[in-house]
PDB file of all heavy atoms in Angstrom:
ATOM      1  N   ILE A   1    -152.757-195.254 -97.585  1.00  0.00           N
ATOM      2  CA  ILE A   1    -152.978-196.032 -98.850  1.00  0.00           C
ATOM      3  C   ILE A   1    -153.954-197.136 -98.609  1.00  0.00           C
ATOM      4  O   ILE A   1    -154.912-197.313 -99.435  1.00  0.00           O
ATOM      5  CB  ILE A   1    -151.627-196.627 -99.370  1.00  0.00           C
ATOM      6  CG1 ILE A   1    -150.706-195.519 -99.886  1.00  0.00           C
ATOM      7  CG2 ILE A   1    -151.888-197.654-100.486  1.00  0.00           C
ATOM      8  CD1 ILE A   1    -149.275-196.014-100.155  1.00  0.00           C
ATOM      9  N   LEU A   2    -153.836-197.903 -97.525  1.00  0.00           N
ATOM     10  CA  LEU A   2    -154.739-199.006 -97.207  1.00  0.00           C
ATOM     11  C   LEU A   2    -156.144-198.474 -96.927  1.00  0.00           C
ATOM     12  O   LEU A   2    -157.170-199.101 -97.336  1.00  0.00           O
ATOM     13  CB  LEU A   2    -154.242-199.794 -96.028  1.00  0.00           C
ATOM     14  CG  LEU A   2    -152.993-200.641 -96.281  1.00  0.00           C
ATOM     15  CD1 LEU A   2    -152.429-201.209 -94.964  1.00  0.00           C
ATOM     16  CD2 LEU A   2    -153.265-201.751 -97.245  1.00  0.00           C
ATOM     17  N   ALA A   3    -156.215-197.320 -96.263  1.00  0.00           N
ATOM     18  CA  ALA A   3    -157.533-196.712 -95.992  1.00  0.00           C
ATOM     19  C   ALA A   3    -158.206-196.301 -97.275  1.00  0.00           C
ATOM     20  O   ALA A   3    -159.427-196.495 -97.493  1.00  0.00           O
ATOM     21  CB  ALA A   3    -157.412-195.521 -95.087  1.00  0.00           C
ATOM     22  N   LEU A   4    -157.427-195.787 -98.196  1.00  0.00           N
ATOM     23  CA  LEU A   4    -157.908-195.395 -99.570  1.00  0.00           C
ATOM     24  C   LEU A   4    -158.451-196.595-100.314  1.00  0.00           C
ATOM     25  O   LEU A   4    -159.433-196.493-101.041  1.00  0.00           O
ATOM     26  CB  LEU A   4    -156.829-194.695-100.320  1.00  0.00           C
ATOM     27  CG  LEU A   4    -157.200-193.897-101.564  1.00  0.00           C
ATOM     28  CD1 LEU A   4    -157.966-192.710-101.204  1.00  0.00           C
ATOM     29  CD2 LEU A   4    -155.927-193.533-102.367  1.00  0.00           C
ATOM     30  N   LEU A   5    -157.809-197.781-100.089  1.00  0.00           N
ATOM     31  CA  LEU A   5    -158.187-198.992-100.805  1.00  0.00           C
ATOM     32  C   LEU A   5    -159.298-199.745-100.060  1.00  0.00           C
ATOM     33  O   LEU A   5    -159.652-200.857-100.436  1.00  0.00           O
ATOM     34  CB  LEU A   5    -157.009-199.943-100.994  1.00  0.00           C
ATOM     35  CG  LEU A   5    -155.887-199.443-101.936  1.00  0.00           C
ATOM     36  CD1 LEU A   5    -154.612-200.319-101.822  1.00  0.00           C
ATOM     37  CD2 LEU A   5    -156.383-199.442-103.406  1.00  0.00           C
ATOM     38  N   SER A   6    -159.819-199.084 -98.980  1.00  0.00           N
ATOM     39  CA  SER A   6    -160.944-199.718 -98.142  1.00  0.00           C
ATOM     40  C   SER A   6    -160.474-201.061 -97.592  1.00  0.00           C
ATOM     41  O   SER A   6    -161.296-201.976 -97.480  1.00  0.00           O
ATOM     42  CB  SER A   6    -162.171-199.887 -98.970  1.00  0.00           C
ATOM     43  OG  SER A   6    -162.555-198.661 -99.542  1.00  0.00           O
ATOM     44  N   ALA A   7    -159.237-201.126 -97.103  1.00  0.00           N
ATOM     45  CA  ALA A   7    -158.751-202.386 -96.469  1.00  0.00           C
ATOM     46  C   ALA A   7    -159.326-202.532 -95.100  1.00  0.00           C
ATOM     47  O   ALA A   7    -159.387-201.563 -94.348  1.00  0.00           O
ATOM     48  CB  ALA A   7    -157.217-202.390 -96.395  1.00  0.00           C
ATOM     49  N   PRO A   8    -159.759-203.745 -94.710  1.00  0.00           N
ATOM     50  CA  PRO A   8    -160.287-203.928 -93.326  1.00  0.00           C
ATOM     51  C   PRO A   8    -159.183-203.831 -92.289  1.00  0.00           C
ATOM     52  O   PRO A   8    -157.976-204.044 -92.635  1.00  0.00           O
ATOM     53  CB  PRO A   8    -160.878-205.360 -93.378  1.00  0.00           C
ATOM     54  CG  PRO A   8    -160.134-206.028 -94.497  1.00  0.00           C
ATOM     55  CD  PRO A   8    -159.788-204.963 -95.480  1.00  0.00           C
ATOM     56  N   ASP A   9    -159.524-203.573 -91.053  1.00  0.00           N
ATOM     57  CA  ASP A   9    -158.504-203.400 -89.943  1.00  0.00           C
ATOM     58  C   ASP A   9    -157.631-204.645 -89.773  1.00  0.00           C
ATOM     59  O   ASP A   9    -156.505-204.529 -89.429  1.00  0.00           O
ATOM     60  CB  ASP A   9    -159.226-203.112 -88.663  1.00  0.00           C
ATOM     61  CG  ASP A   9    -159.883-201.709 -88.674  1.00  0.00           C
ATOM     62  OD1 ASP A   9    -159.443-200.912 -89.546  1.00  0.00           O
ATOM     63  OD2 ASP A   9    -160.731-201.455 -87.858  1.00  0.00           O
ATOM     64  N   SER A  10    -158.224-205.835 -90.054  1.00  0.00           N
ATOM     65  CA  SER A  10    -157.514-207.097 -89.836  1.00  0.00           C
ATOM     66  C   SER A  10    -156.330-207.252 -90.757  1.00  0.00           C
ATOM     67  O   SER A  10    -155.354-208.004 -90.470  1.00  0.00           O
ATOM     68  CB  SER A  10    -158.461-208.274 -90.061  1.00  0.00           C
ATOM     69  OG  SER A  10    -159.051-208.211 -91.384  1.00  0.00           O
ATOM     70  N   VAL A  11    -156.304-206.512 -91.928  1.00  0.00           N
ATOM     71  CA  VAL A  11    -155.177-206.619 -92.854  1.00  0.00           C
ATOM     72  C   VAL A  11    -153.991-205.728 -92.442  1.00  0.00           C
ATOM     73  O   VAL A  11    -152.843-206.023 -92.778  1.00  0.00           O
ATOM     74  CB  VAL A  11    -155.671-206.245 -94.273  1.00  0.00           C
ATOM     75  CG1 VAL A  11    -154.548-206.056 -95.258  1.00  0.00           C
ATOM     76  CG2 VAL A  11    -156.664-207.238 -94.791  1.00  0.00           C
ATOM     77  N   PHE A  12    -154.221-204.689 -91.704  1.00  0.00           N
ATOM     78  CA  PHE A  12    -153.134-203.749 -91.383  1.00  0.00           C
ATOM     79  C   PHE A  12    -151.941-204.392 -90.664  1.00  0.00           C
ATOM     80  O   PHE A  12    -150.819-204.104 -91.084  1.00  0.00           O
ATOM     81  CB  PHE A  12    -153.726-202.607 -90.454  1.00  0.00           C
ATOM     82  CG  PHE A  12    -154.426-201.496 -91.269  1.00  0.00           C
ATOM     83  CD1 PHE A  12    -155.631-201.786 -91.919  1.00  0.00           C
ATOM     84  CD2 PHE A  12    -153.941-200.212 -91.294  1.00  0.00           C
ATOM     85  CE1 PHE A  12    -156.294-200.826 -92.613  1.00  0.00           C
ATOM     86  CE2 PHE A  12    -154.617-199.217 -92.030  1.00  0.00           C
ATOM     87  CZ  PHE A  12    -155.807-199.514 -92.691  1.00  0.00           C
ATOM     88  N   PRO A  13    -152.118-205.216 -89.634  1.00  0.00           N
ATOM     89  CA  PRO A  13    -150.964-205.858 -88.990  1.00  0.00           C
ATOM     90  C   PRO A  13    -150.171-206.777 -89.971  1.00  0.00           C
ATOM     91  O   PRO A  13    -148.941-206.820 -89.930  1.00  0.00           O
ATOM     92  CB  PRO A  13    -151.571-206.699 -87.876  1.00  0.00           C
ATOM     93  CG  PRO A  13    -152.947-206.173 -87.623  1.00  0.00           C
ATOM     94  CD  PRO A  13    -153.387-205.600 -88.970  1.00  0.00           C
ATOM     95  N   VAL A  14    -150.892-207.467 -90.860  1.00  0.00           N
ATOM     96  CA  VAL A  14    -150.205-208.316 -91.885  1.00  0.00           C
ATOM     97  C   VAL A  14    -149.368-207.469 -92.786  1.00  0.00           C
ATOM     98  O   VAL A  14    -148.198-207.827 -93.150  1.00  0.00           O
ATOM     99  CB  VAL A  14    -151.295-209.146 -92.657  1.00  0.00           C
ATOM    100  CG1 VAL A  14    -150.565-210.085 -93.649  1.00  0.00           C
ATOM    101  CG2 VAL A  14    -152.124-209.929 -91.749  1.00  0.00           C
ATOM    102  N   ILE A  15    -149.932-206.361 -93.212  1.00  0.00           N
ATOM    103  CA  ILE A  15    -149.215-205.427 -94.131  1.00  0.00           C
ATOM    104  C   ILE A  15    -148.008-204.809 -93.448  1.00  0.00           C
ATOM    105  O   ILE A  15    -146.904-204.716 -94.028  1.00  0.00           O
ATOM    106  CB  ILE A  15    -150.155-204.279 -94.679  1.00  0.00           C
ATOM    107  CG1 ILE A  15    -151.240-204.872 -95.605  1.00  0.00           C
ATOM    108  CG2 ILE A  15    -149.389-203.180 -95.341  1.00  0.00           C
ATOM    109  CD1 ILE A  15    -150.775-205.269 -96.950  1.00  0.00           C
ATOM    110  N   ASP A  16    -148.169-204.420 -92.210  1.00  0.00           N
ATOM    111  CA  ASP A  16    -147.014-203.897 -91.408  1.00  0.00           C
ATOM    112  C   ASP A  16    -145.845-204.819 -91.340  1.00  0.00           C
ATOM    113  O   ASP A  16    -144.685-204.406 -91.349  1.00  0.00           O
ATOM    114  CB  ASP A  16    -147.494-203.509 -89.990  1.00  0.00           C
ATOM    115  CG  ASP A  16    -148.355-202.264 -89.963  1.00  0.00           C
ATOM    116  OD1 ASP A  16    -148.344-201.537 -90.937  1.00  0.00           O
ATOM    117  OD2 ASP A  16    -148.963-201.991 -88.906  1.00  0.00           O
ATOM    118  N   SER A  17    -146.185-206.121 -91.265  1.00  0.00           N
ATOM    119  CA  SER A  17    -145.123-207.122 -91.208  1.00  0.00           C
ATOM    120  C   SER A  17    -144.563-207.496 -92.580  1.00  0.00           C
ATOM    121  O   SER A  17    -143.363-207.711 -92.751  1.00  0.00           O
ATOM    122  CB  SER A  17    -145.706-208.382 -90.534  1.00  0.00           C
ATOM    123  OG  SER A  17    -144.843-209.462 -90.589  1.00  0.00           O
ATOM    124  N   TYR A  18    -145.477-207.470 -93.607  1.00  0.00           N
ATOM    125  CA  TYR A  18    -145.101-207.990 -94.937  1.00  0.00           C
ATOM    126  C   TYR A  18    -144.417-206.948 -95.809  1.00  0.00           C
ATOM    127  O   TYR A  18    -143.458-207.269 -96.499  1.00  0.00           O
ATOM    128  CB  TYR A  18    -146.412-208.443 -95.645  1.00  0.00           C
ATOM    129  CG  TYR A  18    -146.259-208.865 -97.085  1.00  0.00           C
ATOM    130  CD1 TYR A  18    -145.314-209.744 -97.581  1.00  0.00           C
ATOM    131  CD2 TYR A  18    -147.107-208.239 -98.048  1.00  0.00           C
ATOM    132  CE1 TYR A  18    -145.215-210.097 -98.839  1.00  0.00           C
ATOM    133  CE2 TYR A  18    -147.027-208.597 -99.386  1.00  0.00           C
ATOM    134  CZ  TYR A  18    -146.073-209.498 -99.814  1.00  0.00           C
ATOM    135  OH  TYR A  18    -145.957-209.835-101.138  1.00  0.00           O
ATOM    136  N   TRP A  19    -144.884-205.655 -95.729  1.00  0.00           N
ATOM    137  CA  TRP A  19    -144.398-204.702 -96.666  1.00  0.00           C
ATOM    138  C   TRP A  19    -142.854-204.358 -96.607  1.00  0.00           C
ATOM    139  O   TRP A  19    -142.250-204.113 -97.672  1.00  0.00           O
ATOM    140  CB  TRP A  19    -145.206-203.393 -96.623  1.00  0.00           C
ATOM    141  CG  TRP A  19    -146.435-203.480 -97.490  1.00  0.00           C
ATOM    142  CD1 TRP A  19    -146.960-204.656 -98.034  1.00  0.00           C
ATOM    143  CD2 TRP A  19    -147.287-202.398 -98.023  1.00  0.00           C
ATOM    144  NE1 TRP A  19    -148.067-204.349 -98.821  1.00  0.00           N
ATOM    145  CE2 TRP A  19    -148.233-202.995 -98.843  1.00  0.00           C
ATOM    146  CE3 TRP A  19    -147.233-201.051 -97.846  1.00  0.00           C
ATOM    147  CZ2 TRP A  19    -149.221-202.264 -99.479  1.00  0.00           C
ATOM    148  CZ3 TRP A  19    -148.221-200.241 -98.479  1.00  0.00           C
ATOM    149  CH2 TRP A  19    -149.156-200.850 -99.293  1.00  0.00           C
ATOM    150  N   PRO A  20    -142.211-204.370 -95.451  1.00  0.00           N
ATOM    151  CA  PRO A  20    -140.739-204.157 -95.476  1.00  0.00           C
ATOM    152  C   PRO A  20    -140.031-205.160 -96.333  1.00  0.00           C
ATOM    153  O   PRO A  20    -139.131-204.824 -97.104  1.00  0.00           O
ATOM    154  CB  PRO A  20    -140.345-204.325 -93.977  1.00  0.00           C
ATOM    155  CG  PRO A  20    -141.561-204.008 -93.226  1.00  0.00           C
ATOM    156  CD  PRO A  20    -142.702-204.483 -94.050  1.00  0.00           C
ATOM    157  N   HIS A  21    -140.467-206.482 -96.207  1.00  0.00           N
ATOM    158  CA  HIS A  21    -139.847-207.559 -97.037  1.00  0.00           C
ATOM    159  C   HIS A  21    -140.270-207.400 -98.500  1.00  0.00           C
ATOM    160  O   HIS A  21    -139.393-207.551 -99.400  1.00  0.00           O
ATOM    161  CB  HIS A  21    -140.280-208.897 -96.492  1.00  0.00           C
ATOM    162  CG  HIS A  21    -139.976-209.113 -95.055  1.00  0.00           C
ATOM    163  ND1 HIS A  21    -138.677-209.273 -94.622  1.00  0.00           N
ATOM    164  CD2 HIS A  21    -140.733-209.126 -93.969  1.00  0.00           C
ATOM    165  CE1 HIS A  21    -138.694-209.435 -93.299  1.00  0.00           C
ATOM    166  NE2 HIS A  21    -139.921-209.347 -92.898  1.00  0.00           N
ATOM    167  N   TRP A  22    -141.515-207.076 -98.739  1.00  0.00           N
ATOM    168  CA  TRP A  22    -141.966-206.915-100.131  1.00  0.00           C
ATOM    169  C   TRP A  22    -141.261-205.708-100.822  1.00  0.00           C
ATOM    170  O   TRP A  22    -140.825-205.774-101.982  1.00  0.00           O
ATOM    171  CB  TRP A  22    -143.489-206.731-100.188  1.00  0.00           C
ATOM    172  CG  TRP A  22    -143.895-206.195-101.514  1.00  0.00           C
ATOM    173  CD1 TRP A  22    -143.849-206.867-102.731  1.00  0.00           C
ATOM    174  CD2 TRP A  22    -144.428-204.883-101.804  1.00  0.00           C
ATOM    175  NE1 TRP A  22    -144.272-206.040-103.760  1.00  0.00           N
ATOM    176  CE2 TRP A  22    -144.646-204.875-103.183  1.00  0.00           C
ATOM    177  CE3 TRP A  22    -144.763-203.810-101.035  1.00  0.00           C
ATOM    178  CZ2 TRP A  22    -145.145-203.675-103.804  1.00  0.00           C
ATOM    179  CZ3 TRP A  22    -145.214-202.624-101.615  1.00  0.00           C
ATOM    180  CH2 TRP A  22    -145.472-202.588-102.989  1.00  0.00           C
ATOM    181  N   LEU A  23    -141.192-204.577-100.086  1.00  0.00           N
ATOM    182  CA  LEU A  23    -140.542-203.394-100.691  1.00  0.00           C
ATOM    183  C   LEU A  23    -139.076-203.637-101.040  1.00  0.00           C
ATOM    184  O   LEU A  23    -138.566-203.143-102.036  1.00  0.00           O
ATOM    185  CB  LEU A  23    -140.688-202.162 -99.751  1.00  0.00           C
ATOM    186  CG  LEU A  23    -142.114-201.612 -99.624  1.00  0.00           C
ATOM    187  CD1 LEU A  23    -142.221-200.679 -98.421  1.00  0.00           C
ATOM    188  CD2 LEU A  23    -142.506-200.897-100.879  1.00  0.00           C
ATOM    189  N   LEU A  24    -138.394-204.362-100.154  1.00  0.00           N
ATOM    190  CA  LEU A  24    -137.000-204.747-100.447  1.00  0.00           C
ATOM    191  C   LEU A  24    -136.917-205.581-101.689  1.00  0.00           C
ATOM    192  O   LEU A  24    -136.066-205.355-102.583  1.00  0.00           O
ATOM    193  CB  LEU A  24    -136.352-205.492 -99.258  1.00  0.00           C
ATOM    194  CG  LEU A  24    -134.867-205.916 -99.425  1.00  0.00           C
ATOM    195  CD1 LEU A  24    -133.981-204.704 -99.668  1.00  0.00           C
ATOM    196  CD2 LEU A  24    -134.450-206.737 -98.205  1.00  0.00           C
ATOM    197  N   SER A  25    -137.816-206.569-101.821  1.00  0.00           N
ATOM    198  CA  SER A  25    -137.793-207.446-102.995  1.00  0.00           C
ATOM    199  C   SER A  25    -138.156-206.632-104.272  1.00  0.00           C
ATOM    200  O   SER A  25    -137.655-206.887-105.312  1.00  0.00           O
ATOM    201  CB  SER A  25    -138.828-208.610-102.821  1.00  0.00           C
ATOM    202  OG  SER A  25    -140.161-208.158-102.910  1.00  0.00           O
ATOM    203  N   ALA A  26    -139.081-205.638-104.133  1.00  0.00           N
ATOM    204  CA  ALA A  26    -139.429-204.780-105.277  1.00  0.00           C
ATOM    205  C   ALA A  26    -138.220-203.940-105.700  1.00  0.00           C
ATOM    206  O   ALA A  26    -137.983-203.782-106.940  1.00  0.00           O
ATOM    207  CB  ALA A  26    -140.554-203.867-104.816  1.00  0.00           C
ATOM    208  N   TRP A  27    -137.428-203.440-104.751  1.00  0.00           N
ATOM    209  CA  TRP A  27    -136.205-202.652-105.138  1.00  0.00           C
ATOM    210  C   TRP A  27    -135.159-203.526-105.800  1.00  0.00           C
ATOM    211  O   TRP A  27    -134.590-203.119-106.835  1.00  0.00           O
ATOM    212  CB  TRP A  27    -135.646-202.012-103.870  1.00  0.00           C
ATOM    213  CG  TRP A  27    -134.401-201.194-104.203  1.00  0.00           C
ATOM    214  CD1 TRP A  27    -134.381-199.988-104.798  1.00  0.00           C
ATOM    215  CD2 TRP A  27    -133.033-201.576-103.938  1.00  0.00           C
ATOM    216  NE1 TRP A  27    -133.078-199.551-104.981  1.00  0.00           N
ATOM    217  CE2 TRP A  27    -132.223-200.507-104.473  1.00  0.00           C
ATOM    218  CE3 TRP A  27    -132.388-202.677-103.383  1.00  0.00           C
ATOM    219  CZ2 TRP A  27    -130.834-200.544-104.396  1.00  0.00           C
ATOM    220  CZ3 TRP A  27    -131.034-202.691-103.339  1.00  0.00           C
ATOM    221  CH2 TRP A  27    -130.269-201.653-103.808  1.00  0.00           C
TER     222      TRP A  27
END
């Protein structure tokens, strides 16, 4: 998904850490 959105490599570690918490909040 991030590759499709042309996200830079520097964002990947932040997303890996952030998305579990964000996805729980979304649910």
